[in-house]
Amino acid sequence: DNAKNTVYLQMNSLRPEDTAVYYCNTDLYGRTY
């Protein structure tokens, strides 16, 4: 949603193996955030 400066991840049918820490990521001018 560009207006809200937000990215979403909708996850369905979750499984125990999906257990993890989930991180958001991007790159800008060669630097990773």
PDB file of all heavy atoms in Angstrom:
ATOM      1  N   ASP A   1       0.872  -1.165   0.000  1.00  0.00           N
ATOM      2  CA  ASP A   1       0.000   0.000   0.000  1.00  0.00           C
ATOM      3  C   ASP A   1       0.911   1.217   0.000  1.00  0.00           C
ATOM      4  O   ASP A   1       1.435   1.611   1.051  1.00  0.00           O
ATOM      5  CB  ASP A   1      -0.918  -0.019   1.223  1.00  0.00           C
ATOM      6  CG  ASP A   1      -1.941   1.107   1.202  1.00  0.00           C
ATOM      7  OD1 ASP A   1      -1.668   2.159   0.597  1.00  0.00           O
ATOM      8  OD2 ASP A   1      -3.012   0.932   1.801  1.00  0.00           O
ATOM      9  N   ASN A   2       1.106   1.797  -1.159  1.00  0.00           N
ATOM     10  CA  ASN A   2       2.045   2.904  -1.279  1.00  0.00           C
ATOM     11  C   ASN A   2       1.592   4.121  -0.467  1.00  0.00           C
ATOM     12  O   ASN A   2       2.421   4.872   0.054  1.00  0.00           O
ATOM     13  CB  ASN A   2       2.230   3.282  -2.742  1.00  0.00           C
ATOM     14  CG  ASN A   2       2.923   2.193  -3.536  1.00  0.00           C
ATOM     15  OD1 ASN A   2       3.769   1.469  -2.999  1.00  0.00           O
ATOM     16  ND2 ASN A   2       2.575   2.064  -4.800  1.00  0.00           N
ATOM     17  N   ALA A   3       0.301   4.302  -0.345  1.00  0.00           N
ATOM     18  CA  ALA A   3      -0.212   5.454   0.408  1.00  0.00           C
ATOM     19  C   ALA A   3       0.114   5.336   1.886  1.00  0.00           C
ATOM     20  O   ALA A   3       0.295   6.347   2.576  1.00  0.00           O
ATOM     21  CB  ALA A   3      -1.707   5.584   0.199  1.00  0.00           C
ATOM     22  N   LYS A   4       0.188   4.099   2.377  1.00  0.00           N
ATOM     23  CA  LYS A   4       0.480   3.868   3.800  1.00  0.00           C
ATOM     24  C   LYS A   4       1.943   3.483   4.030  1.00  0.00           C
ATOM     25  O   LYS A   4       2.327   3.190   5.166  1.00  0.00           O
ATOM     26  CB  LYS A   4      -0.431   2.780   4.351  1.00  0.00           C
ATOM     27  CG  LYS A   4      -1.907   3.166   4.357  1.00  0.00           C
ATOM     28  CD  LYS A   4      -2.745   2.066   4.986  1.00  0.00           C
ATOM     29  CE  LYS A   4      -4.215   2.489   5.046  1.00  0.00           C
ATOM     30  NZ  LYS A   4      -5.067   1.424   5.661  1.00  0.00           N
ATOM     31  N   ASN A   5       2.732   3.442   2.959  1.00  0.00           N
ATOM     32  CA  ASN A   5       4.149   3.045   3.081  1.00  0.00           C
ATOM     33  C   ASN A   5       4.287   1.709   3.801  1.00  0.00           C
ATOM     34  O   ASN A   5       5.181   1.533   4.655  1.00  0.00           O
ATOM     35  CB  ASN A   5       4.947   4.126   3.808  1.00  0.00           C
ATOM     36  CG  ASN A   5       4.966   5.424   3.043  1.00  0.00           C
ATOM     37  OD1 ASN A   5       5.056   5.443   1.818  1.00  0.00           O
ATOM     38  ND2 ASN A   5       4.844   6.527   3.760  1.00  0.00           N
ATOM     39  N   THR A   6       3.446   0.782   3.435  1.00  0.00           N
ATOM     40  CA  THR A   6       3.375  -0.495   4.144  1.00  0.00           C
ATOM     41  C   THR A   6       3.297  -1.650   3.155  1.00  0.00           C
ATOM     42  O   THR A   6       2.629  -1.549   2.121  1.00  0.00           O
ATOM     43  CB  THR A   6       2.151  -0.521   5.072  1.00  0.00           C
ATOM     44  OG1 THR A   6       2.264   0.554   6.017  1.00  0.00           O
ATOM     45  CG2 THR A   6       2.056  -1.832   5.829  1.00  0.00           C
ATOM     46  N   VAL A   7       4.001  -2.721   3.513  1.00  0.00           N
ATOM     47  CA  VAL A   7       3.929  -3.970   2.763  1.00  0.00           C
ATOM     48  C   VAL A   7       3.317  -5.020   3.671  1.00  0.00           C
ATOM     49  O   VAL A   7       3.633  -5.070   4.868  1.00  0.00           O
ATOM     50  CB  VAL A   7       5.325  -4.413   2.295  1.00  0.00           C
ATOM     51  CG1 VAL A   7       5.265  -5.782   1.640  1.00  0.00           C
ATOM     52  CG2 VAL A   7       5.893  -3.405   1.310  1.00  0.00           C
ATOM     53  N   TYR A   8       2.462  -5.846   3.090  1.00  0.00           N
ATOM     54  CA  TYR A   8       1.759  -6.861   3.865  1.00  0.00           C
ATOM     55  C   TYR A   8       2.128  -8.266   3.401  1.00  0.00           C
ATOM     56  O   TYR A   8       2.501  -8.475   2.240  1.00  0.00           O
ATOM     57  CB  TYR A   8       0.242  -6.678   3.723  1.00  0.00           C
ATOM     58  CG  TYR A   8      -0.258  -5.326   4.138  1.00  0.00           C
ATOM     59  CD1 TYR A   8      -0.508  -4.331   3.198  1.00  0.00           C
ATOM     60  CD2 TYR A   8      -0.475  -5.040   5.489  1.00  0.00           C
ATOM     61  CE1 TYR A   8      -0.963  -3.082   3.584  1.00  0.00           C
ATOM     62  CE2 TYR A   8      -0.935  -3.788   5.879  1.00  0.00           C
ATOM     63  CZ  TYR A   8      -1.173  -2.816   4.919  1.00  0.00           C
ATOM     64  OH  TYR A   8      -1.627  -1.580   5.302  1.00  0.00           O
ATOM     65  N   LEU A   9       1.988  -9.205   4.314  1.00  0.00           N
ATOM     66  CA  LEU A   9       2.129 -10.618   3.961  1.00  0.00           C
ATOM     67  C   LEU A   9       0.949 -11.349   4.580  1.00  0.00           C
ATOM     68  O   LEU A   9       0.886 -11.516   5.792  1.00  0.00           O
ATOM     69  CB  LEU A   9       3.446 -11.199   4.479  1.00  0.00           C
ATOM     70  CG  LEU A   9       3.720 -12.630   4.045  1.00  0.00           C
ATOM     71  CD1 LEU A   9       4.029 -12.681   2.544  1.00  0.00           C
ATOM     72  CD2 LEU A   9       4.892 -13.235   4.833  1.00  0.00           C
ATOM     73  N   GLN A  10       0.025 -11.747   3.731  1.00  0.00           N
ATOM     74  CA  GLN A  10      -1.117 -12.528   4.178  1.00  0.00           C
ATOM     75  C   GLN A  10      -0.748 -14.001   4.100  1.00  0.00           C
ATOM     76  O   GLN A  10      -0.363 -14.491   3.033  1.00  0.00           O
ATOM     77  CB  GLN A  10      -2.337 -12.250   3.298  1.00  0.00           C
ATOM     78  CG  GLN A  10      -3.556 -13.077   3.633  1.00  0.00           C
ATOM     79  CD  GLN A  10      -4.159 -12.736   4.976  1.00  0.00           C
ATOM     80  OE1 GLN A  10      -4.302 -11.569   5.322  1.00  0.00           O
ATOM     81  NE2 GLN A  10      -4.502 -13.763   5.761  1.00  0.00           N
ATOM     82  N   MET A  11      -0.831 -14.688   5.221  1.00  0.00           N
ATOM     83  CA  MET A  11      -0.455 -16.097   5.280  1.00  0.00           C
ATOM     84  C   MET A  11      -1.662 -16.927   5.699  1.00  0.00           C
ATOM     85  O   MET A  11      -2.283 -16.662   6.728  1.00  0.00           O
ATOM     86  CB  MET A  11       0.685 -16.314   6.266  1.00  0.00           C
ATOM     87  CG  MET A  11       1.929 -15.485   5.957  1.00  0.00           C
ATOM     88  SD  MET A  11       3.355 -15.975   6.942  1.00  0.00           S
ATOM     89  CE  MET A  11       2.799 -15.476   8.563  1.00  0.00           C
ATOM     90  N   ASN A  12      -1.975 -17.920   4.909  1.00  0.00           N
ATOM     91  CA  ASN A  12      -3.107 -18.811   5.168  1.00  0.00           C
ATOM     92  C   ASN A  12      -2.627 -20.251   5.276  1.00  0.00           C
ATOM     93  O   ASN A  12      -1.498 -20.573   4.869  1.00  0.00           O
ATOM     94  CB  ASN A  12      -4.141 -18.683   4.041  1.00  0.00           C
ATOM     95  CG  ASN A  12      -4.642 -17.270   3.865  1.00  0.00           C
ATOM     96  OD1 ASN A  12      -4.905 -16.553   4.833  1.00  0.00           O
ATOM     97  ND2 ASN A  12      -4.794 -16.853   2.610  1.00  0.00           N
ATOM     98  N   SER A  13      -3.489 -21.095   5.785  1.00  0.00           N
ATOM     99  CA  SER A  13      -3.180 -22.526   5.900  1.00  0.00           C
ATOM    100  C   SER A  13      -1.808 -22.751   6.533  1.00  0.00           C
ATOM    101  O   SER A  13      -0.992 -23.535   6.034  1.00  0.00           O
ATOM    102  CB  SER A  13      -3.240 -23.195   4.519  1.00  0.00           C
ATOM    103  OG  SER A  13      -4.505 -23.016   3.920  1.00  0.00           O
ATOM    104  N   LEU A  14      -1.570 -22.057   7.628  1.00  0.00           N
ATOM    105  CA  LEU A  14      -0.265 -22.122   8.260  1.00  0.00           C
ATOM    106  C   LEU A  14       0.012 -23.508   8.834  1.00  0.00           C
ATOM    107  O   LEU A  14      -0.902 -24.211   9.291  1.00  0.00           O
ATOM    108  CB  LEU A  14      -0.163 -21.058   9.344  1.00  0.00           C
ATOM    109  CG  LEU A  14       0.025 -19.630   8.810  1.00  0.00           C
ATOM    110  CD1 LEU A  14      -0.264 -18.600   9.881  1.00  0.00           C
ATOM    111  CD2 LEU A  14       1.444 -19.463   8.278  1.00  0.00           C
ATOM    112  N   ARG A  15       1.288 -23.870   8.795  1.00  0.00           N
ATOM    113  CA  ARG A  15       1.755 -25.171   9.260  1.00  0.00           C
ATOM    114  C   ARG A  15       2.768 -24.979  10.376  1.00  0.00           C
ATOM    115  O   ARG A  15       3.418 -23.924  10.440  1.00  0.00           O
ATOM    116  CB  ARG A  15       2.410 -25.923   8.103  1.00  0.00           C
ATOM    117  CG  ARG A  15       1.547 -26.051   6.851  1.00  0.00           C
ATOM    118  CD  ARG A  15       2.377 -26.495   5.667  1.00  0.00           C
ATOM    119  NE  ARG A  15       1.570 -26.608   4.444  1.00  0.00           N
ATOM    120  CZ  ARG A  15       2.087 -26.751   3.221  1.00  0.00           C
ATOM    121  NH1 ARG A  15       3.404 -26.815   3.062  1.00  0.00           N
ATOM    122  NH2 ARG A  15       1.282 -26.846   2.189  1.00  0.00           N
ATOM    123  N   PRO A  16       2.952 -25.977  11.225  1.00  0.00           N
ATOM    124  CA  PRO A  16       3.967 -25.840  12.280  1.00  0.00           C
ATOM    125  C   PRO A  16       5.352 -25.498  11.723  1.00  0.00           C
ATOM    126  O   PRO A  16       6.105 -24.756  12.366  1.00  0.00           O
ATOM    127  CB  PRO A  16       3.953 -27.222  12.941  1.00  0.00           C
ATOM    128  CG  PRO A  16       2.549 -27.698  12.749  1.00  0.00           C
ATOM    129  CD  PRO A  16       2.151 -27.201  11.392  1.00  0.00           C
ATOM    130  N   GLU A  17       5.672 -25.992  10.544  1.00  0.00           N
ATOM    131  CA  GLU A  17       6.989 -25.698   9.958  1.00  0.00           C
ATOM    132  C   GLU A  17       7.133 -24.256   9.473  1.00  0.00           C
ATOM    133  O   GLU A  17       8.214 -23.839   9.064  1.00  0.00           O
ATOM    134  CB  GLU A  17       7.300 -26.662   8.799  1.00  0.00           C
ATOM    135  CG  GLU A  17       6.239 -26.726   7.715  1.00  0.00           C
ATOM    136  CD  GLU A  17       5.274 -27.880   7.908  1.00  0.00           C
ATOM    137  OE1 GLU A  17       4.886 -28.170   9.061  1.00  0.00           O
ATOM    138  OE2 GLU A  17       4.895 -28.494   6.872  1.00  0.00           O
ATOM    139  N   ASP A  18       6.045 -23.495   9.519  1.00  0.00           N
ATOM    140  CA  ASP A  18       6.123 -22.069   9.196  1.00  0.00           C
ATOM    141  C   ASP A  18       6.561 -21.250  10.402  1.00  0.00           C
ATOM    142  O   ASP A  18       6.762 -20.028  10.284  1.00  0.00           O
ATOM    143  CB  ASP A  18       4.756 -21.560   8.713  1.00  0.00           C
ATOM    144  CG  ASP A  18       4.326 -22.180   7.401  1.00  0.00           C
ATOM    145  OD1 ASP A  18       5.191 -22.374   6.519  1.00  0.00           O
ATOM    146  OD2 ASP A  18       3.122 -22.480   7.253  1.00  0.00           O
ATOM    147  N   THR A  19       6.707 -21.890  11.539  1.00  0.00           N
ATOM    148  CA  THR A  19       7.164 -21.196  12.742  1.00  0.00           C
ATOM    149  C   THR A  19       8.552 -20.611  12.517  1.00  0.00           C
ATOM    150  O   THR A  19       9.482 -21.322  12.135  1.00  0.00           O
ATOM    151  CB  THR A  19       7.188 -22.156  13.942  1.00  0.00           C
ATOM    152  OG1 THR A  19       5.847 -22.566  14.229  1.00  0.00           O
ATOM    153  CG2 THR A  19       7.795 -21.477  15.163  1.00  0.00           C
ATOM    154  N   ALA A  20       8.672 -19.308  12.724  1.00  0.00           N
ATOM    155  CA  ALA A  20       9.934 -18.608  12.473  1.00  0.00           C
ATOM    156  C   ALA A  20       9.770 -17.145  12.872  1.00  0.00           C
ATOM    157  O   ALA A  20       8.654 -16.688  13.159  1.00  0.00           O
ATOM    158  CB  ALA A  20      10.316 -18.697  10.997  1.00  0.00           C
ATOM    159  N   VAL A  21      10.881 -16.438  12.855  1.00  0.00           N
ATOM    160  CA  VAL A  21      10.838 -14.986  12.928  1.00  0.00           C
ATOM    161  C   VAL A  21      10.785 -14.476  11.489  1.00  0.00           C
ATOM    162  O   VAL A  21      11.594 -14.881  10.653  1.00  0.00           O
ATOM    163  CB  VAL A  21      12.058 -14.403  13.654  1.00  0.00           C
ATOM    164  CG1 VAL A  21      11.983 -12.876  13.675  1.00  0.00           C
ATOM    165  CG2 VAL A  21      12.144 -14.956  15.075  1.00  0.00           C
ATOM    166  N   TYR A  22       9.828 -13.621  11.225  1.00  0.00           N
ATOM    167  CA  TYR A  22       9.629 -13.088   9.884  1.00  0.00           C
ATOM    168  C   TYR A  22      10.160 -11.659   9.827  1.00  0.00           C
ATOM    169  O   TYR A  22       9.824 -10.833  10.673  1.00  0.00           O
ATOM    170  CB  TYR A  22       8.146 -13.137   9.526  1.00  0.00           C
ATOM    171  CG  TYR A  22       7.685 -14.535   9.171  1.00  0.00           C
ATOM    172  CD1 TYR A  22       7.576 -15.512  10.161  1.00  0.00           C
ATOM    173  CD2 TYR A  22       7.385 -14.896   7.864  1.00  0.00           C
ATOM    174  CE1 TYR A  22       7.191 -16.818   9.857  1.00  0.00           C
ATOM    175  CE2 TYR A  22       6.986 -16.195   7.537  1.00  0.00           C
ATOM    176  CZ  TYR A  22       6.900 -17.139   8.541  1.00  0.00           C
ATOM    177  OH  TYR A  22       6.512 -18.426   8.230  1.00  0.00           O
ATOM    178  N   TYR A  23      10.972 -11.397   8.808  1.00  0.00           N
ATOM    179  CA  TYR A  23      11.636 -10.107   8.666  1.00  0.00           C
ATOM    180  C   TYR A  23      11.241  -9.426   7.356  1.00  0.00           C
ATOM    181  O   TYR A  23      11.112 -10.072   6.316  1.00  0.00           O
ATOM    182  CB  TYR A  23      13.156 -10.287   8.644  1.00  0.00           C
ATOM    183  CG  TYR A  23      13.753 -10.858   9.895  1.00  0.00           C
ATOM    184  CD1 TYR A  23      13.946 -12.229  10.051  1.00  0.00           C
ATOM    185  CD2 TYR A  23      14.167 -10.022  10.933  1.00  0.00           C
ATOM    186  CE1 TYR A  23      14.503 -12.758  11.196  1.00  0.00           C
ATOM    187  CE2 TYR A  23      14.739 -10.539  12.087  1.00  0.00           C
ATOM    188  CZ  TYR A  23      14.899 -11.906  12.205  1.00  0.00           C
ATOM    189  OH  TYR A  23      15.471 -12.416  13.348  1.00  0.00           O
ATOM    190  N   CYS A  24      11.133  -8.126   7.433  1.00  0.00           N
ATOM    191  CA  CYS A  24      10.918  -7.289   6.260  1.00  0.00           C
ATOM    192  C   CYS A  24      12.279  -6.807   5.766  1.00  0.00           C
ATOM    193  O   CYS A  24      13.196  -6.566   6.573  1.00  0.00           O
ATOM    194  CB  CYS A  24      10.033  -6.111   6.647  1.00  0.00           C
ATOM    195  SG  CYS A  24       9.554  -5.042   5.285  1.00  0.00           S
ATOM    196  N   ASN A  25      12.400  -6.633   4.474  1.00  0.00           N
ATOM    197  CA  ASN A  25      13.699  -6.317   3.873  1.00  0.00           C
ATOM    198  C   ASN A  25      13.529  -5.406   2.672  1.00  0.00           C
ATOM    199  O   ASN A  25      12.562  -5.516   1.919  1.00  0.00           O
ATOM    200  CB  ASN A  25      14.370  -7.630   3.448  1.00  0.00           C
ATOM    201  CG  ASN A  25      15.474  -7.449   2.436  1.00  0.00           C
ATOM    202  OD1 ASN A  25      15.221  -7.311   1.229  1.00  0.00           O
ATOM    203  ND2 ASN A  25      16.708  -7.446   2.903  1.00  0.00           N
ATOM    204  N   THR A  26      14.511  -4.531   2.491  1.00  0.00           N
ATOM    205  CA  THR A  26      14.576  -3.764   1.265  1.00  0.00           C
ATOM    206  C   THR A  26      16.000  -3.285   1.045  1.00  0.00           C
ATOM    207  O   THR A  26      16.855  -3.413   1.917  1.00  0.00           O
ATOM    208  CB  THR A  26      13.601  -2.572   1.289  1.00  0.00           C
ATOM    209  OG1 THR A  26      13.473  -2.045  -0.053  1.00  0.00           O
ATOM    210  CG2 THR A  26      14.096  -1.459   2.211  1.00  0.00           C
ATOM    211  N   ASP A  27      16.239  -2.758  -0.146  1.00  0.00           N
ATOM    212  CA  ASP A  27      17.544  -2.193  -0.485  1.00  0.00           C
ATOM    213  C   ASP A  27      17.350  -0.783  -1.017  1.00  0.00           C
ATOM    214  O   ASP A  27      16.376  -0.508  -1.717  1.00  0.00           O
ATOM    215  CB  ASP A  27      18.245  -3.033  -1.555  1.00  0.00           C
ATOM    216  CG  ASP A  27      18.583  -4.416  -1.073  1.00  0.00           C
ATOM    217  OD1 ASP A  27      19.435  -4.525  -0.172  1.00  0.00           O
ATOM    218  OD2 ASP A  27      17.979  -5.380  -1.571  1.00  0.00           O
ATOM    219  N   LEU A  28      18.299   0.070  -0.675  1.00  0.00           N
ATOM    220  CA  LEU A  28      18.251   1.436  -1.171  1.00  0.00           C
ATOM    221  C   LEU A  28      19.671   1.921  -1.356  1.00  0.00           C
ATOM    222  O   LEU A  28      20.462   1.895  -0.404  1.00  0.00           O
ATOM    223  CB  LEU A  28      17.497   2.341  -0.194  1.00  0.00           C
ATOM    224  CG  LEU A  28      17.282   3.781  -0.658  1.00  0.00           C
ATOM    225  CD1 LEU A  28      16.386   3.823  -1.890  1.00  0.00           C
ATOM    226  CD2 LEU A  28      16.676   4.622   0.472  1.00  0.00           C
ATOM    227  N   TYR A  29      19.973   2.322  -2.601  1.00  0.00           N
ATOM    228  CA  TYR A  29      21.308   2.833  -2.922  1.00  0.00           C
ATOM    229  C   TYR A  29      22.409   1.868  -2.476  1.00  0.00           C
ATOM    230  O   TYR A  29      23.433   2.293  -1.918  1.00  0.00           O
ATOM    231  CB  TYR A  29      21.519   4.209  -2.293  1.00  0.00           C
ATOM    232  CG  TYR A  29      20.472   5.223  -2.679  1.00  0.00           C
ATOM    233  CD1 TYR A  29      19.876   6.015  -1.706  1.00  0.00           C
ATOM    234  CD2 TYR A  29      20.056   5.372  -3.997  1.00  0.00           C
ATOM    235  CE1 TYR A  29      18.891   6.939  -2.042  1.00  0.00           C
ATOM    236  CE2 TYR A  29      19.078   6.284  -4.340  1.00  0.00           C
ATOM    237  CZ  TYR A  29      18.499   7.065  -3.362  1.00  0.00           C
ATOM    238  OH  TYR A  29      17.528   7.970  -3.694  1.00  0.00           O
ATOM    239  N   GLY A  30      22.173   0.592  -2.720  1.00  0.00           N
ATOM    240  CA  GLY A  30      23.194  -0.404  -2.452  1.00  0.00           C
ATOM    241  C   GLY A  30      23.296  -0.867  -1.014  1.00  0.00           C
ATOM    242  O   GLY A  30      24.163  -1.692  -0.675  1.00  0.00           O
ATOM    243  N   ARG A  31      22.449  -0.365  -0.154  1.00  0.00           N
ATOM    244  CA  ARG A  31      22.474  -0.773   1.244  1.00  0.00           C
ATOM    245  C   ARG A  31      21.207  -1.556   1.553  1.00  0.00           C
ATOM    246  O   ARG A  31      20.117  -1.184   1.125  1.00  0.00           O
ATOM    247  CB  ARG A  31      22.572   0.460   2.147  1.00  0.00           C
ATOM    248  CG  ARG A  31      22.676   0.128   3.621  1.00  0.00           C
ATOM    249  CD  ARG A  31      22.920   1.374   4.457  1.00  0.00           C
ATOM    250  NE  ARG A  31      22.900   1.051   5.876  1.00  0.00           N
ATOM    251  CZ  ARG A  31      23.082   1.945   6.839  1.00  0.00           C
ATOM    252  NH1 ARG A  31      23.314   3.212   6.533  1.00  0.00           N
ATOM    253  NH2 ARG A  31      23.053   1.572   8.090  1.00  0.00           N
ATOM    254  N   THR A  32      21.380  -2.630   2.322  1.00  0.00           N
ATOM    255  CA  THR A  32      20.264  -3.497   2.681  1.00  0.00           C
ATOM    256  C   THR A  32      19.748  -3.151   4.069  1.00  0.00           C
ATOM    257  O   THR A  32      20.550  -2.905   4.987  1.00  0.00           O
ATOM    258  CB  THR A  32      20.700  -4.963   2.649  1.00  0.00           C
ATOM    259  OG1 THR A  32      21.119  -5.295   1.310  1.00  0.00           O
ATOM    260  CG2 THR A  32      19.544  -5.887   3.038  1.00  0.00           C
ATOM    261  N   TYR A  33      18.443  -3.133   4.195  1.00  0.00           N
ATOM    262  CA  TYR A  33      17.810  -2.809   5.469  1.00  0.00           C
ATOM    263  C   TYR A  33      16.900  -3.951   5.898  1.00  0.00           C
ATOM    264  O   TYR A  33      16.212  -4.564   5.070  1.00  0.00           O
ATOM    265  CB  TYR A  33      16.981  -1.518   5.346  1.00  0.00           C
ATOM    266  CG  TYR A  33      17.817  -0.312   5.045  1.00  0.00           C
ATOM    267  CD1 TYR A  33      18.088   0.072   3.729  1.00  0.00           C
ATOM    268  CD2 TYR A  33      18.357   0.466   6.079  1.00  0.00           C
ATOM    269  CE1 TYR A  33      18.854   1.171   3.445  1.00  0.00           C
ATOM    270  CE2 TYR A  33      19.134   1.575   5.798  1.00  0.00           C
ATOM    271  CZ  TYR A  33      19.377   1.927   4.484  1.00  0.00           C
ATOM    272  OH  TYR A  33      20.152   3.028   4.206  1.00  0.00           O
TER     273      TYR A  33
END
